[in-house]
């Protein structure tokens, strides 16, 4: 997306945030979703530190709401994990990706493709850390899930950078 488009999107998401804060309150889950949208645009723009702040604010709001499970909280854990991974904070990335995994398994089950994506992300962090045996175990779990949900046993290769299961 072009920078001009990202700036326009950011402006609109900030307007939506203001409206939601005024109408629904600062701690409403929809307000948290607005913070997540702003963080996603900031991430796309490369403003990682500001994006992280926005994602954390959204996560805190969503955690306080009655609905702590679901797609938004998965995306938040994965987005924060991605930022940690990008900065070389593998401990932080693992913590976030494992939280996402717990939530995805609870909501969608252990055999869901999104669960496989979580295992792949955990495996990528472990691989980057040099924990190759552990990484292989995580990648194997992901592969087993993908093979079990594939109708003919064929599994497309996974590219971490192309994964949009949480966007």
N, C-alpha and C. Protein backbone atom coordinates (compact mmCIF):
# COMPACT_ATOMS: atom_id res chain seq x y z
N UNK A 1 0.84 -1.17 0.00
CA UNK A 1 0.00 0.00 0.00
C UNK A 1 0.90 1.24 0.00
N UNK A 2 0.48 2.27 -0.68
CA UNK A 2 1.25 3.50 -0.76
C UNK A 2 1.19 4.25 0.57
N UNK A 3 2.25 5.01 0.85
CA UNK A 3 2.32 5.79 2.09
C UNK A 3 1.13 6.74 2.21
N UNK A 4 0.74 7.35 1.08
CA UNK A 4 -0.41 8.26 1.09
C UNK A 4 -1.67 7.54 1.55
N UNK A 5 -1.87 6.32 1.04
CA UNK A 5 -3.03 5.52 1.43
C UNK A 5 -2.96 5.12 2.90
N UNK A 6 -1.77 4.77 3.36
CA UNK A 6 -1.60 4.40 4.77
C UNK A 6 -1.89 5.57 5.68
N UNK A 7 -1.43 6.75 5.30
CA UNK A 7 -1.70 7.94 6.11
C UNK A 7 -3.19 8.26 6.14
N UNK A 8 -3.87 8.08 5.01
CA UNK A 8 -5.32 8.30 4.96
C UNK A 8 -6.04 7.27 5.84
N UNK A 9 -5.61 6.02 5.76
CA UNK A 9 -6.21 4.97 6.59
C UNK A 9 -5.99 5.27 8.07
N UNK A 10 -4.79 5.70 8.41
CA UNK A 10 -4.48 6.02 9.80
C UNK A 10 -5.37 7.15 10.30
N UNK A 11 -5.57 8.15 9.48
CA UNK A 11 -6.45 9.27 9.84
C UNK A 11 -7.88 8.79 10.10
N UNK A 12 -8.38 7.93 9.23
CA UNK A 12 -9.75 7.42 9.40
C UNK A 12 -9.88 6.54 10.64
N UNK A 13 -8.87 5.69 10.88
CA UNK A 13 -8.92 4.84 12.07
C UNK A 13 -8.85 5.67 13.34
N UNK A 14 -8.11 6.76 13.31
CA UNK A 14 -8.05 7.64 14.49
C UNK A 14 -9.39 8.33 14.72
N UNK A 15 -10.08 8.70 13.64
CA UNK A 15 -11.43 9.27 13.78
C UNK A 15 -12.37 8.24 14.39
N UNK A 16 -12.28 7.02 13.89
CA UNK A 16 -13.13 5.94 14.43
C UNK A 16 -12.84 5.71 15.90
N UNK A 17 -11.56 5.74 16.28
CA UNK A 17 -11.19 5.58 17.68
C UNK A 17 -11.82 6.66 18.53
N UNK A 18 -11.75 7.89 18.08
CA UNK A 18 -12.32 9.01 18.83
C UNK A 18 -13.82 8.83 19.02
N UNK A 19 -14.49 8.43 17.97
CA UNK A 19 -15.95 8.21 18.05
C UNK A 19 -16.25 7.07 19.03
N UNK A 20 -15.54 5.98 18.91
CA UNK A 20 -15.79 4.84 19.80
C UNK A 20 -15.51 5.19 21.25
N UNK A 21 -14.44 5.94 21.50
CA UNK A 21 -14.15 6.34 22.89
C UNK A 21 -15.27 7.21 23.44
N UNK A 22 -15.80 8.12 22.61
CA UNK A 22 -16.87 9.01 23.07
C UNK A 22 -18.20 8.29 23.25
N UNK A 23 -18.50 7.37 22.36
CA UNK A 23 -19.80 6.69 22.40
C UNK A 23 -19.77 5.44 23.29
N UNK A 24 -18.74 4.63 23.16
CA UNK A 24 -18.69 3.34 23.86
C UNK A 24 -17.84 3.37 25.13
N UNK A 25 -16.92 4.30 25.20
CA UNK A 25 -16.01 4.36 26.34
C UNK A 25 -14.62 3.86 25.96
N UNK A 26 -13.64 4.25 26.76
CA UNK A 26 -12.24 3.91 26.46
C UNK A 26 -11.92 2.44 26.67
N UNK A 27 -12.74 1.72 27.42
CA UNK A 27 -12.43 0.33 27.73
C UNK A 27 -13.37 -0.67 27.05
N UNK A 28 -14.05 -0.23 26.03
CA UNK A 28 -14.95 -1.12 25.29
C UNK A 28 -14.13 -1.95 24.28
N UNK A 29 -14.50 -3.22 24.06
CA UNK A 29 -13.76 -4.06 23.11
C UNK A 29 -13.65 -3.45 21.71
N UNK A 30 -14.69 -2.74 21.26
CA UNK A 30 -14.62 -2.10 19.93
C UNK A 30 -13.59 -0.98 19.91
N UNK A 31 -13.42 -0.31 21.05
CA UNK A 31 -12.37 0.70 21.16
C UNK A 31 -11.01 0.02 21.06
N UNK A 32 -10.90 -1.14 21.69
CA UNK A 32 -9.67 -1.93 21.58
C UNK A 32 -9.40 -2.32 20.14
N UNK A 33 -10.46 -2.67 19.40
CA UNK A 33 -10.30 -3.02 17.99
C UNK A 33 -9.77 -1.84 17.19
N UNK A 34 -10.22 -0.63 17.53
CA UNK A 34 -9.70 0.56 16.85
C UNK A 34 -8.21 0.74 17.10
N UNK A 35 -7.78 0.50 18.33
CA UNK A 35 -6.35 0.57 18.64
C UNK A 35 -5.58 -0.48 17.82
N UNK A 36 -6.17 -1.66 17.66
CA UNK A 36 -5.52 -2.71 16.87
C UNK A 36 -5.40 -2.29 15.41
N UNK A 37 -6.44 -1.68 14.85
CA UNK A 37 -6.40 -1.23 13.46
C UNK A 37 -5.32 -0.16 13.27
N UNK A 38 -5.24 0.76 14.21
CA UNK A 38 -4.21 1.80 14.15
C UNK A 38 -2.82 1.16 14.21
N UNK A 39 -2.66 0.20 15.11
CA UNK A 39 -1.38 -0.50 15.21
C UNK A 39 -1.01 -1.22 13.93
N UNK A 40 -1.99 -1.82 13.27
CA UNK A 40 -1.71 -2.55 12.02
C UNK A 40 -1.22 -1.60 10.93
N UNK A 41 -1.81 -0.41 10.85
CA UNK A 41 -1.36 0.57 9.85
C UNK A 41 0.04 1.07 10.21
N UNK A 42 0.26 1.33 11.49
CA UNK A 42 1.59 1.79 11.92
C UNK A 42 2.65 0.72 11.64
N UNK A 43 2.29 -0.54 11.84
CA UNK A 43 3.20 -1.64 11.54
C UNK A 43 3.54 -1.65 10.05
N UNK A 44 2.52 -1.49 9.23
CA UNK A 44 2.71 -1.45 7.78
C UNK A 44 3.61 -0.28 7.36
N UNK A 45 3.48 0.84 8.09
CA UNK A 45 4.30 2.02 7.79
C UNK A 45 5.73 1.88 8.31
N UNK A 46 5.95 0.89 9.17
CA UNK A 46 7.29 0.71 9.73
C UNK A 46 7.50 1.43 11.05
N UNK A 47 6.44 1.98 11.61
CA UNK A 47 6.51 2.65 12.92
C UNK A 47 6.31 1.62 14.03
N UNK A 48 7.28 0.74 14.16
CA UNK A 48 7.15 -0.43 15.03
C UNK A 48 6.90 -0.09 16.49
N UNK A 49 7.62 0.88 17.03
CA UNK A 49 7.46 1.19 18.46
C UNK A 49 6.08 1.75 18.77
N UNK A 50 5.58 2.62 17.89
CA UNK A 50 4.25 3.19 18.10
C UNK A 50 3.19 2.11 17.87
N UNK A 51 3.43 1.24 16.89
CA UNK A 51 2.51 0.13 16.65
C UNK A 51 2.43 -0.77 17.88
N UNK A 52 3.57 -1.05 18.47
CA UNK A 52 3.60 -1.90 19.67
C UNK A 52 2.79 -1.28 20.80
N UNK A 53 2.93 0.01 20.98
CA UNK A 53 2.15 0.71 22.01
C UNK A 53 0.66 0.57 21.74
N UNK A 54 0.27 0.73 20.49
CA UNK A 54 -1.14 0.62 20.11
C UNK A 54 -1.66 -0.80 20.32
N UNK A 55 -0.87 -1.80 19.93
CA UNK A 55 -1.28 -3.19 20.12
C UNK A 55 -1.41 -3.52 21.61
N UNK A 56 -0.48 -3.05 22.41
CA UNK A 56 -0.55 -3.33 23.86
C UNK A 56 -1.77 -2.68 24.49
N UNK A 57 -2.08 -1.47 24.06
CA UNK A 57 -3.27 -0.79 24.58
C UNK A 57 -4.52 -1.60 24.22
N UNK A 58 -4.58 -2.05 22.98
CA UNK A 58 -5.72 -2.86 22.53
C UNK A 58 -5.81 -4.15 23.34
N UNK A 59 -4.68 -4.80 23.55
CA UNK A 59 -4.66 -6.06 24.29
C UNK A 59 -5.14 -5.86 25.72
N UNK A 60 -4.71 -4.79 26.35
CA UNK A 60 -5.17 -4.51 27.72
C UNK A 60 -6.67 -4.29 27.77
N UNK A 61 -7.21 -3.59 26.79
CA UNK A 61 -8.66 -3.34 26.75
C UNK A 61 -9.40 -4.66 26.55
N UNK A 62 -8.96 -5.45 25.59
CA UNK A 62 -9.64 -6.71 25.27
C UNK A 62 -9.55 -7.68 26.44
N UNK A 63 -8.40 -7.72 27.11
CA UNK A 63 -8.25 -8.61 28.27
C UNK A 63 -9.24 -8.28 29.38
N UNK A 64 -9.56 -7.01 29.53
CA UNK A 64 -10.49 -6.59 30.58
C UNK A 64 -11.94 -6.84 30.21
N UNK A 65 -12.21 -7.10 28.95
CA UNK A 65 -13.58 -7.36 28.53
C UNK A 65 -13.95 -8.80 28.84
N UNK A 66 -15.21 -9.09 28.76
CA UNK A 66 -15.70 -10.44 29.06
C UNK A 66 -15.22 -11.45 28.03
N UNK A 67 -15.01 -11.00 26.79
CA UNK A 67 -14.62 -11.90 25.71
C UNK A 67 -13.11 -11.86 25.51
N UNK A 68 -12.40 -12.72 26.22
CA UNK A 68 -10.95 -12.74 26.12
C UNK A 68 -10.46 -13.71 25.06
N UNK A 69 -11.34 -14.40 24.42
CA UNK A 69 -10.94 -15.33 23.38
C UNK A 69 -11.54 -14.84 22.07
N UNK A 70 -10.85 -15.12 21.01
CA UNK A 70 -11.37 -14.75 19.71
C UNK A 70 -10.29 -14.22 18.80
N UNK A 71 -10.72 -13.91 17.61
CA UNK A 71 -9.81 -13.51 16.54
C UNK A 71 -8.99 -12.27 16.88
N UNK A 72 -9.59 -11.26 17.51
CA UNK A 72 -8.87 -10.03 17.82
C UNK A 72 -7.71 -10.29 18.76
N UNK A 73 -7.96 -11.05 19.80
CA UNK A 73 -6.88 -11.31 20.76
C UNK A 73 -5.78 -12.16 20.13
N UNK A 74 -6.15 -13.07 19.23
CA UNK A 74 -5.15 -13.85 18.49
C UNK A 74 -4.27 -12.92 17.66
N UNK A 75 -4.91 -12.03 16.91
CA UNK A 75 -4.15 -11.08 16.08
C UNK A 75 -3.23 -10.22 16.92
N UNK A 76 -3.72 -9.77 18.07
CA UNK A 76 -2.90 -8.91 18.93
C UNK A 76 -1.67 -9.66 19.42
N UNK A 77 -1.87 -10.87 19.91
CA UNK A 77 -0.72 -11.66 20.37
C UNK A 77 0.26 -11.90 19.22
N UNK A 78 -0.26 -12.20 18.04
CA UNK A 78 0.61 -12.45 16.90
C UNK A 78 1.32 -11.18 16.42
N UNK A 79 0.62 -10.06 16.40
CA UNK A 79 1.25 -8.81 15.98
C UNK A 79 2.34 -8.38 16.96
N UNK A 80 2.06 -8.50 18.24
CA UNK A 80 3.07 -8.15 19.24
C UNK A 80 4.24 -9.13 19.14
N UNK A 81 3.93 -10.40 18.95
CA UNK A 81 4.98 -11.40 18.76
C UNK A 81 5.85 -11.10 17.55
N UNK A 82 5.21 -10.68 16.47
CA UNK A 82 5.94 -10.34 15.25
C UNK A 82 6.92 -9.18 15.50
N UNK A 83 6.46 -8.18 16.24
CA UNK A 83 7.34 -7.05 16.55
C UNK A 83 8.51 -7.48 17.42
N UNK A 84 8.24 -8.33 18.40
CA UNK A 84 9.34 -8.84 19.24
C UNK A 84 10.32 -9.65 18.39
N UNK A 85 9.79 -10.49 17.52
CA UNK A 85 10.63 -11.32 16.65
C UNK A 85 11.52 -10.44 15.77
N UNK A 86 10.91 -9.43 15.19
CA UNK A 86 11.62 -8.50 14.31
C UNK A 86 12.78 -7.81 15.03
N UNK A 87 12.58 -7.52 16.32
CA UNK A 87 13.60 -6.83 17.11
C UNK A 87 14.60 -7.78 17.75
N UNK A 88 14.41 -9.09 17.53
CA UNK A 88 15.32 -10.06 18.11
C UNK A 88 15.01 -10.42 19.55
N UNK A 89 13.84 -10.00 20.04
CA UNK A 89 13.40 -10.35 21.39
C UNK A 89 12.65 -11.68 21.29
N UNK A 90 13.41 -12.76 21.23
CA UNK A 90 12.82 -14.07 21.00
C UNK A 90 11.98 -14.55 22.18
N UNK A 91 12.38 -14.19 23.39
CA UNK A 91 11.61 -14.58 24.57
C UNK A 91 10.22 -13.94 24.51
N UNK A 92 10.17 -12.65 24.20
CA UNK A 92 8.88 -11.96 24.08
C UNK A 92 8.04 -12.53 22.95
N UNK A 93 8.68 -12.83 21.83
CA UNK A 93 7.96 -13.39 20.69
C UNK A 93 7.36 -14.75 21.04
N UNK A 94 8.16 -15.60 21.68
CA UNK A 94 7.66 -16.93 22.07
C UNK A 94 6.48 -16.81 23.03
N UNK A 95 6.59 -15.91 23.98
CA UNK A 95 5.50 -15.72 24.94
C UNK A 95 4.21 -15.34 24.22
N UNK A 96 4.30 -14.41 23.29
CA UNK A 96 3.11 -13.97 22.56
C UNK A 96 2.56 -15.07 21.66
N UNK A 97 3.44 -15.74 20.92
CA UNK A 97 2.97 -16.79 20.02
C UNK A 97 2.37 -17.97 20.80
N UNK A 98 2.91 -18.27 21.95
CA UNK A 98 2.34 -19.36 22.76
C UNK A 98 0.99 -18.97 23.35
N UNK A 99 0.83 -17.70 23.69
CA UNK A 99 -0.48 -17.21 24.15
C UNK A 99 -1.49 -17.34 23.02
N UNK A 100 -1.09 -16.95 21.82
CA UNK A 100 -1.98 -17.07 20.66
C UNK A 100 -2.35 -18.54 20.43
N UNK A 101 -1.37 -19.42 20.55
CA UNK A 101 -1.61 -20.85 20.37
C UNK A 101 -2.64 -21.36 21.37
N UNK A 102 -2.47 -20.99 22.64
CA UNK A 102 -3.43 -21.41 23.67
C UNK A 102 -4.84 -20.96 23.31
N UNK A 103 -4.97 -19.73 22.88
CA UNK A 103 -6.27 -19.19 22.55
C UNK A 103 -6.86 -19.86 21.31
N UNK A 104 -6.05 -20.03 20.28
CA UNK A 104 -6.54 -20.66 19.05
C UNK A 104 -6.99 -22.09 19.33
N UNK A 105 -6.21 -22.83 20.11
CA UNK A 105 -6.60 -24.21 20.45
C UNK A 105 -7.91 -24.23 21.23
N UNK A 106 -8.08 -23.28 22.14
CA UNK A 106 -9.31 -23.24 22.94
C UNK A 106 -10.53 -22.89 22.10
N UNK A 107 -10.35 -22.01 21.13
CA UNK A 107 -11.48 -21.52 20.34
C UNK A 107 -11.73 -22.38 19.10
N UNK A 108 -10.66 -22.74 18.39
CA UNK A 108 -10.82 -23.42 17.10
C UNK A 108 -10.44 -24.89 17.12
N UNK A 109 -9.72 -25.30 18.15
CA UNK A 109 -9.32 -26.69 18.26
C UNK A 109 -7.88 -26.93 17.86
N UNK A 110 -7.38 -28.10 18.25
CA UNK A 110 -5.98 -28.44 18.00
C UNK A 110 -5.69 -28.79 16.56
N UNK A 111 -6.71 -29.11 15.79
CA UNK A 111 -6.50 -29.52 14.41
C UNK A 111 -6.81 -28.45 13.38
N UNK A 112 -6.89 -27.21 13.78
CA UNK A 112 -7.26 -26.12 12.88
C UNK A 112 -6.02 -25.54 12.18
N UNK A 113 -6.14 -25.11 10.92
CA UNK A 113 -5.00 -24.50 10.22
C UNK A 113 -4.39 -23.30 10.97
N UNK A 114 -5.20 -22.54 11.70
CA UNK A 114 -4.65 -21.43 12.47
C UNK A 114 -3.76 -21.93 13.60
N UNK A 115 -4.07 -23.11 14.12
CA UNK A 115 -3.21 -23.73 15.13
C UNK A 115 -1.87 -24.08 14.49
N UNK A 116 -1.92 -24.61 13.28
CA UNK A 116 -0.68 -24.93 12.55
C UNK A 116 0.15 -23.66 12.33
N UNK A 117 -0.50 -22.56 12.00
CA UNK A 117 0.22 -21.30 11.79
C UNK A 117 0.93 -20.86 13.07
N UNK A 118 0.29 -21.07 14.21
CA UNK A 118 0.93 -20.74 15.50
C UNK A 118 2.17 -21.59 15.72
N UNK A 119 2.05 -22.89 15.45
CA UNK A 119 3.21 -23.77 15.61
C UNK A 119 4.35 -23.34 14.68
N UNK A 120 4.01 -22.93 13.47
CA UNK A 120 5.04 -22.45 12.54
C UNK A 120 5.75 -21.21 13.08
N UNK A 121 4.99 -20.30 13.63
CA UNK A 121 5.59 -19.07 14.17
C UNK A 121 6.50 -19.39 15.36
N UNK A 122 6.05 -20.27 16.22
CA UNK A 122 6.88 -20.68 17.36
C UNK A 122 8.15 -21.36 16.83
N UNK A 123 7.99 -22.22 15.84
CA UNK A 123 9.14 -22.89 15.24
C UNK A 123 10.13 -21.91 14.63
N UNK A 124 9.62 -20.87 13.99
CA UNK A 124 10.50 -19.86 13.38
C UNK A 124 11.34 -19.14 14.43
N UNK A 125 10.72 -18.83 15.57
CA UNK A 125 11.46 -18.16 16.64
C UNK A 125 12.53 -19.10 17.20
N UNK A 126 12.14 -20.34 17.45
CA UNK A 126 13.10 -21.30 17.99
C UNK A 126 14.25 -21.53 17.01
N UNK A 127 13.95 -21.57 15.73
CA UNK A 127 14.99 -21.71 14.72
C UNK A 127 15.94 -20.52 14.76
N UNK A 128 15.39 -19.32 14.86
CA UNK A 128 16.22 -18.11 14.92
C UNK A 128 17.10 -18.10 16.17
N UNK A 129 16.58 -18.68 17.26
CA UNK A 129 17.35 -18.76 18.51
C UNK A 129 18.45 -19.82 18.43
N UNK A 130 18.34 -20.70 17.44
CA UNK A 130 19.30 -21.79 17.33
C UNK A 130 18.86 -23.06 18.02
N UNK A 131 17.62 -23.09 18.52
CA UNK A 131 17.06 -24.29 19.16
C UNK A 131 16.43 -25.16 18.08
N UNK A 132 17.27 -25.77 17.29
CA UNK A 132 16.81 -26.44 16.08
C UNK A 132 15.96 -27.68 16.34
N UNK A 133 16.30 -28.46 17.36
CA UNK A 133 15.50 -29.65 17.67
C UNK A 133 14.09 -29.25 18.09
N UNK A 134 13.99 -28.23 18.94
CA UNK A 134 12.66 -27.76 19.36
C UNK A 134 11.90 -27.16 18.19
N UNK A 135 12.61 -26.41 17.34
CA UNK A 135 11.97 -25.81 16.17
C UNK A 135 11.40 -26.90 15.27
N UNK A 136 12.17 -27.95 15.06
CA UNK A 136 11.73 -29.06 14.22
C UNK A 136 10.46 -29.69 14.78
N UNK A 137 10.38 -29.84 16.10
CA UNK A 137 9.17 -30.39 16.72
C UNK A 137 7.95 -29.52 16.42
N UNK A 138 8.12 -28.21 16.51
CA UNK A 138 7.00 -27.29 16.25
C UNK A 138 6.58 -27.34 14.78
N UNK A 139 7.57 -27.34 13.89
CA UNK A 139 7.27 -27.43 12.46
C UNK A 139 6.58 -28.76 12.13
N UNK A 140 6.99 -29.83 12.81
CA UNK A 140 6.37 -31.14 12.59
C UNK A 140 4.91 -31.12 13.03
N UNK A 141 4.62 -30.49 14.17
CA UNK A 141 3.22 -30.37 14.62
C UNK A 141 2.39 -29.62 13.58
N UNK A 142 2.95 -28.55 13.05
CA UNK A 142 2.24 -27.77 12.03
C UNK A 142 1.97 -28.62 10.79
N UNK A 143 2.98 -29.36 10.37
CA UNK A 143 2.85 -30.21 9.19
C UNK A 143 1.78 -31.28 9.40
N UNK A 144 1.78 -31.90 10.56
CA UNK A 144 0.78 -32.94 10.85
C UNK A 144 -0.63 -32.38 10.79
N UNK A 145 -0.82 -31.18 11.31
CA UNK A 145 -2.16 -30.57 11.25
C UNK A 145 -2.53 -30.30 9.80
N UNK A 146 -1.61 -29.72 9.05
CA UNK A 146 -1.91 -29.40 7.65
C UNK A 146 -2.21 -30.66 6.84
N UNK A 147 -1.47 -31.72 7.09
CA UNK A 147 -1.73 -32.97 6.37
C UNK A 147 -3.09 -33.54 6.77
N UNK A 148 -3.48 -33.39 8.02
CA UNK A 148 -4.75 -33.95 8.47
C UNK A 148 -5.95 -33.19 7.92
N UNK A 149 -5.79 -31.91 7.62
CA UNK A 149 -6.92 -31.14 7.10
C UNK A 149 -6.92 -31.07 5.58
N UNK A 150 -5.83 -31.52 4.95
CA UNK A 150 -5.75 -31.52 3.50
C UNK A 150 -6.52 -32.72 2.97
N UNK A 151 -7.33 -32.49 1.95
CA UNK A 151 -8.15 -33.57 1.40
C UNK A 151 -7.32 -34.67 0.75
N UNK A 152 -6.23 -34.29 0.10
CA UNK A 152 -5.45 -35.29 -0.63
C UNK A 152 -4.05 -35.51 -0.04
N UNK A 153 -3.80 -34.93 1.12
CA UNK A 153 -2.51 -35.12 1.76
C UNK A 153 -1.43 -34.16 1.30
N UNK A 154 -1.73 -33.38 0.24
CA UNK A 154 -0.76 -32.39 -0.22
C UNK A 154 -0.78 -31.19 0.70
N UNK A 155 0.39 -30.69 0.99
CA UNK A 155 0.50 -29.52 1.86
C UNK A 155 1.36 -28.49 1.16
N UNK A 156 0.81 -27.30 1.00
CA UNK A 156 1.58 -26.22 0.37
C UNK A 156 2.67 -25.76 1.32
N UNK A 157 3.79 -25.33 0.77
CA UNK A 157 4.86 -24.83 1.65
C UNK A 157 4.40 -23.59 2.40
N UNK A 158 4.89 -23.43 3.61
CA UNK A 158 4.52 -22.30 4.45
C UNK A 158 5.61 -21.27 4.40
N UNK A 159 5.25 -20.04 4.10
CA UNK A 159 6.18 -18.92 4.15
C UNK A 159 5.69 -17.98 5.23
N UNK A 160 6.46 -17.86 6.30
CA UNK A 160 6.09 -17.04 7.45
C UNK A 160 5.69 -15.63 7.03
N UNK A 161 6.39 -15.06 6.05
CA UNK A 161 6.11 -13.70 5.63
C UNK A 161 4.81 -13.57 4.86
N UNK A 162 4.33 -14.67 4.30
CA UNK A 162 3.09 -14.64 3.54
C UNK A 162 1.88 -15.02 4.38
N UNK A 163 2.08 -15.39 5.63
CA UNK A 163 0.98 -15.83 6.48
C UNK A 163 0.08 -14.65 6.81
N UNK A 164 -1.17 -14.74 6.39
CA UNK A 164 -2.11 -13.66 6.71
C UNK A 164 -3.30 -14.19 7.50
N UNK A 165 -3.09 -15.28 8.19
CA UNK A 165 -4.20 -15.90 8.90
C UNK A 165 -4.71 -15.06 10.06
N UNK A 166 -3.97 -14.01 10.43
CA UNK A 166 -4.41 -13.16 11.54
C UNK A 166 -4.61 -11.73 11.12
N UNK A 167 -4.65 -11.49 9.84
CA UNK A 167 -4.84 -10.12 9.38
C UNK A 167 -6.28 -9.88 9.03
